[in-house]
Amino acid sequence: MGDATADRIRFGSGQPGLLDAHLETRTAVSCGEAFLRVRNELEDFQQIAPADQPAGFAGKLQESQRESVGWMRFLGRFSFGGCLADDMGVGKAAQVLALRETRRELRAET
């Protein structure tokens, strides 16, 4: 599942759930800070909130589109990856544009 080196096994950023399940069967294992942070965030997870309308987005997102953008942000936050697939005419292009604008705004803040 991971890349073995001399004294460690490195896992990809999209594998914390798989790694967490595997570690439940082990007792003498130490983990890096990045994994422990993600593990704690996932344990504290309650729900995926709809995304706010990005300030720089010219359109108006419907509630279902805000929920979709919130879902994509959740996937990105944990590097889970995903696919935006939905019925024709539900505004996938608007969702992608809103997500891109949200990411641009977040980069500008840092």
C-alpha atoms as a PDB file:
ATOM      1  CA  MET A   1       0.000   0.000   0.000  1.00  0.00           C
ATOM      2  CA  GLY A   2       2.908   2.377   0.621  1.00  0.00           C
ATOM      3  CA  ASP A   3       6.489   3.007  -0.452  1.00  0.00           C
ATOM      4  CA  ALA A   4       8.922   1.253   1.871  1.00  0.00           C
ATOM      5  CA  THR A   5      12.262   2.815   2.764  1.00  0.00           C
ATOM      6  CA  ALA A   6      14.888   1.680   5.252  1.00  0.00           C
ATOM      7  CA  ASP A   7      12.828   2.279   8.394  1.00  0.00           C
ATOM      8  CA  ARG A   8       9.537   3.759   7.159  1.00  0.00           C
ATOM      9  CA  ILE A   9       6.596   3.276   4.892  1.00  0.00           C
ATOM     10  CA  ARG A  10       5.297   6.419   3.177  1.00  0.00           C
ATOM     11  CA  PHE A  11       1.671   6.632   2.141  1.00  0.00           C
ATOM     12  CA  GLY A  12      -0.003   8.975  -0.300  1.00  0.00           C
ATOM     13  CA  SER A  13      -2.081  11.918   0.862  1.00  0.00           C
ATOM     14  CA  GLY A  14      -5.259  10.223  -0.385  1.00  0.00           C
ATOM     15  CA  GLN A  15      -4.820   7.128   1.796  1.00  0.00           C
ATOM     16  CA  PRO A  16      -5.555   8.217   5.401  1.00  0.00           C
ATOM     17  CA  GLY A  17      -8.819   6.264   5.668  1.00  0.00           C
ATOM     18  CA  LEU A  18      -7.223   3.089   4.369  1.00  0.00           C
ATOM     19  CA  LEU A  19      -4.178   3.579   6.564  1.00  0.00           C
ATOM     20  CA  ASP A  20      -6.310   4.273   9.632  1.00  0.00           C
ATOM     21  CA  ALA A  21      -8.253   1.024   9.133  1.00  0.00           C
ATOM     22  CA  HIS A  22      -4.989  -0.888   8.713  1.00  0.00           C
ATOM     23  CA  LEU A  23      -3.458   0.645  11.847  1.00  0.00           C
ATOM     24  CA  GLU A  24      -6.363  -0.548  13.985  1.00  0.00           C
ATOM     25  CA  THR A  25      -4.927  -4.051  13.628  1.00  0.00           C
ATOM     26  CA  ARG A  26      -1.424  -2.978  14.749  1.00  0.00           C
ATOM     27  CA  THR A  27      -0.185  -2.006  18.208  1.00  0.00           C
ATOM     28  CA  ALA A  28       3.439  -0.826  17.917  1.00  0.00           C
ATOM     29  CA  VAL A  29       3.227   1.773  15.152  1.00  0.00           C
ATOM     30  CA  SER A  30       4.281   5.414  15.098  1.00  0.00           C
ATOM     31  CA  CYS A  31       2.783   7.923  12.685  1.00  0.00           C
ATOM     32  CA  GLY A  32       3.882  11.232  11.257  1.00  0.00           C
ATOM     33  CA  GLU A  33       2.323  14.552  12.208  1.00  0.00           C
ATOM     34  CA  ALA A  34       0.575  15.001   8.846  1.00  0.00           C
ATOM     35  CA  PHE A  35      -1.257  11.681   9.173  1.00  0.00           C
ATOM     36  CA  LEU A  36      -2.192  12.336  12.803  1.00  0.00           C
ATOM     37  CA  ARG A  37      -3.631  15.743  11.835  1.00  0.00           C
ATOM     38  CA  VAL A  38      -5.751  14.231   9.047  1.00  0.00           C
ATOM     39  CA  ARG A  39      -6.788  11.344  11.277  1.00  0.00           C
ATOM     40  CA  ASN A  40      -7.972  13.733  13.990  1.00  0.00           C
ATOM     41  CA  GLU A  41      -9.833  15.898  11.475  1.00  0.00           C
ATOM     42  CA  LEU A  42     -11.615  12.855  10.066  1.00  0.00           C
ATOM     43  CA  GLU A  43     -12.525  11.633  13.563  1.00  0.00           C
ATOM     44  CA  ASP A  44     -14.015  15.055  14.368  1.00  0.00           C
ATOM     45  CA  PHE A  45     -15.867  15.223  11.048  1.00  0.00           C
ATOM     46  CA  GLN A  46     -19.588  15.942  11.378  1.00  0.00           C
ATOM     47  CA  GLN A  47     -20.926  16.879   7.947  1.00  0.00           C
ATOM     48  CA  ILE A  48     -20.113  18.530   4.665  1.00  0.00           C
ATOM     49  CA  ALA A  49     -21.447  22.070   4.647  1.00  0.00           C
ATOM     50  CA  PRO A  50     -22.600  23.821   1.487  1.00  0.00           C
ATOM     51  CA  ALA A  51     -19.949  26.211   0.207  1.00  0.00           C
ATOM     52  CA  ASP A  52     -20.466  29.937   0.427  1.00  0.00           C
ATOM     53  CA  GLN A  53     -20.948  31.845  -2.780  1.00  0.00           C
ATOM     54  CA  PRO A  54     -17.438  33.045  -3.808  1.00  0.00           C
ATOM     55  CA  ALA A  55     -17.260  36.847  -3.782  1.00  0.00           C
ATOM     56  CA  GLY A  56     -15.642  36.950  -7.223  1.00  0.00           C
ATOM     57  CA  PHE A  57     -18.116  34.567  -8.855  1.00  0.00           C
ATOM     58  CA  ALA A  58     -20.476  36.472 -11.162  1.00  0.00           C
ATOM     59  CA  GLY A  59     -23.235  33.847 -11.176  1.00  0.00           C
ATOM     60  CA  LYS A  60     -25.654  32.722  -8.491  1.00  0.00           C
ATOM     61  CA  LEU A  61     -25.292  29.170  -7.209  1.00  0.00           C
ATOM     62  CA  GLN A  62     -28.400  27.188  -6.368  1.00  0.00           C
ATOM     63  CA  GLU A  63     -28.430  25.339  -3.032  1.00  0.00           C
ATOM     64  CA  SER A  64     -27.701  21.983  -4.713  1.00  0.00           C
ATOM     65  CA  GLN A  65     -24.727  23.563  -6.485  1.00  0.00           C
ATOM     66  CA  ARG A  66     -23.422  25.014  -3.195  1.00  0.00           C
ATOM     67  CA  GLU A  67     -23.687  21.519  -1.689  1.00  0.00           C
ATOM     68  CA  SER A  68     -21.751  20.076  -4.619  1.00  0.00           C
ATOM     69  CA  VAL A  69     -19.003  22.686  -4.307  1.00  0.00           C
ATOM     70  CA  GLY A  70     -18.846  21.949  -0.555  1.00  0.00           C
ATOM     71  CA  TRP A  71     -18.440  18.248  -1.365  1.00  0.00           C
ATOM     72  CA  MET A  72     -15.625  18.953  -3.837  1.00  0.00           C
ATOM     73  CA  ARG A  73     -13.870  21.175  -1.290  1.00  0.00           C
ATOM     74  CA  PHE A  74     -14.108  18.352   1.269  1.00  0.00           C
ATOM     75  CA  LEU A  75     -12.581  15.893  -1.198  1.00  0.00           C
ATOM     76  CA  GLY A  76      -9.788  18.325  -2.031  1.00  0.00           C
ATOM     77  CA  ARG A  77      -9.057  19.100   1.613  1.00  0.00           C
ATOM     78  CA  PHE A  78      -8.198  15.466   2.252  1.00  0.00           C
ATOM     79  CA  SER A  79      -6.753  14.772  -1.230  1.00  0.00           C
ATOM     80  CA  PHE A  80      -9.400  12.120  -1.786  1.00  0.00           C
ATOM     81  CA  GLY A  81     -10.069  12.972  -5.401  1.00  0.00           C
ATOM     82  CA  GLY A  82     -13.455  12.693  -6.976  1.00  0.00           C
ATOM     83  CA  CYS A  83     -15.541  13.090 -10.069  1.00  0.00           C
ATOM     84  CA  LEU A  84     -18.240  15.643 -10.749  1.00  0.00           C
ATOM     85  CA  ALA A  85     -20.956  13.682 -12.504  1.00  0.00           C
ATOM     86  CA  ASP A  86     -24.580  14.745 -12.512  1.00  0.00           C
ATOM     87  CA  ASP A  87     -27.617  15.018 -14.747  1.00  0.00           C
ATOM     88  CA  MET A  88     -27.573  17.262 -17.789  1.00  0.00           C
ATOM     89  CA  GLY A  89     -28.574  20.842 -17.095  1.00  0.00           C
ATOM     90  CA  VAL A  90     -27.797  21.017 -13.376  1.00  0.00           C
ATOM     91  CA  GLY A  91     -24.979  23.527 -13.768  1.00  0.00           C
ATOM     92  CA  LYS A  92     -21.788  21.504 -13.514  1.00  0.00           C
ATOM     93  CA  ALA A  93     -19.887  24.247 -15.352  1.00  0.00           C
ATOM     94  CA  ALA A  94     -21.046  26.826 -12.794  1.00  0.00           C
ATOM     95  CA  GLN A  95     -19.984  24.497  -9.966  1.00  0.00           C
ATOM     96  CA  VAL A  96     -16.501  24.068 -11.423  1.00  0.00           C
ATOM     97  CA  LEU A  97     -16.136  27.800 -12.038  1.00  0.00           C
ATOM     98  CA  ALA A  98     -17.270  28.558  -8.478  1.00  0.00           C
ATOM     99  CA  LEU A  99     -14.805  25.999  -7.092  1.00  0.00           C
ATOM    100  CA  ARG A 100     -11.970  27.498  -9.143  1.00  0.00           C
ATOM    101  CA  GLU A 101     -12.865  30.989  -7.925  1.00  0.00           C
ATOM    102  CA  THR A 102     -12.986  29.777  -4.317  1.00  0.00           C
ATOM    103  CA  ARG A 103      -9.514  28.254  -4.702  1.00  0.00           C
ATOM    104  CA  ARG A 104      -8.215  31.450  -6.313  1.00  0.00           C
ATOM    105  CA  GLU A 105      -9.587  33.518  -3.426  1.00  0.00           C
ATOM    106  CA  LEU A 106      -8.034  31.179  -0.854  1.00  0.00           C
ATOM    107  CA  ARG A 107      -4.626  31.384  -2.578  1.00  0.00           C
ATOM    108  CA  ALA A 108      -4.859  35.191  -2.614  1.00  0.00           C
ATOM    109  CA  GLU A 109      -5.441  35.209   1.172  1.00  0.00           C
ATOM    110  CA  THR A 110      -2.190  33.353   1.886  1.00  0.00           C
END
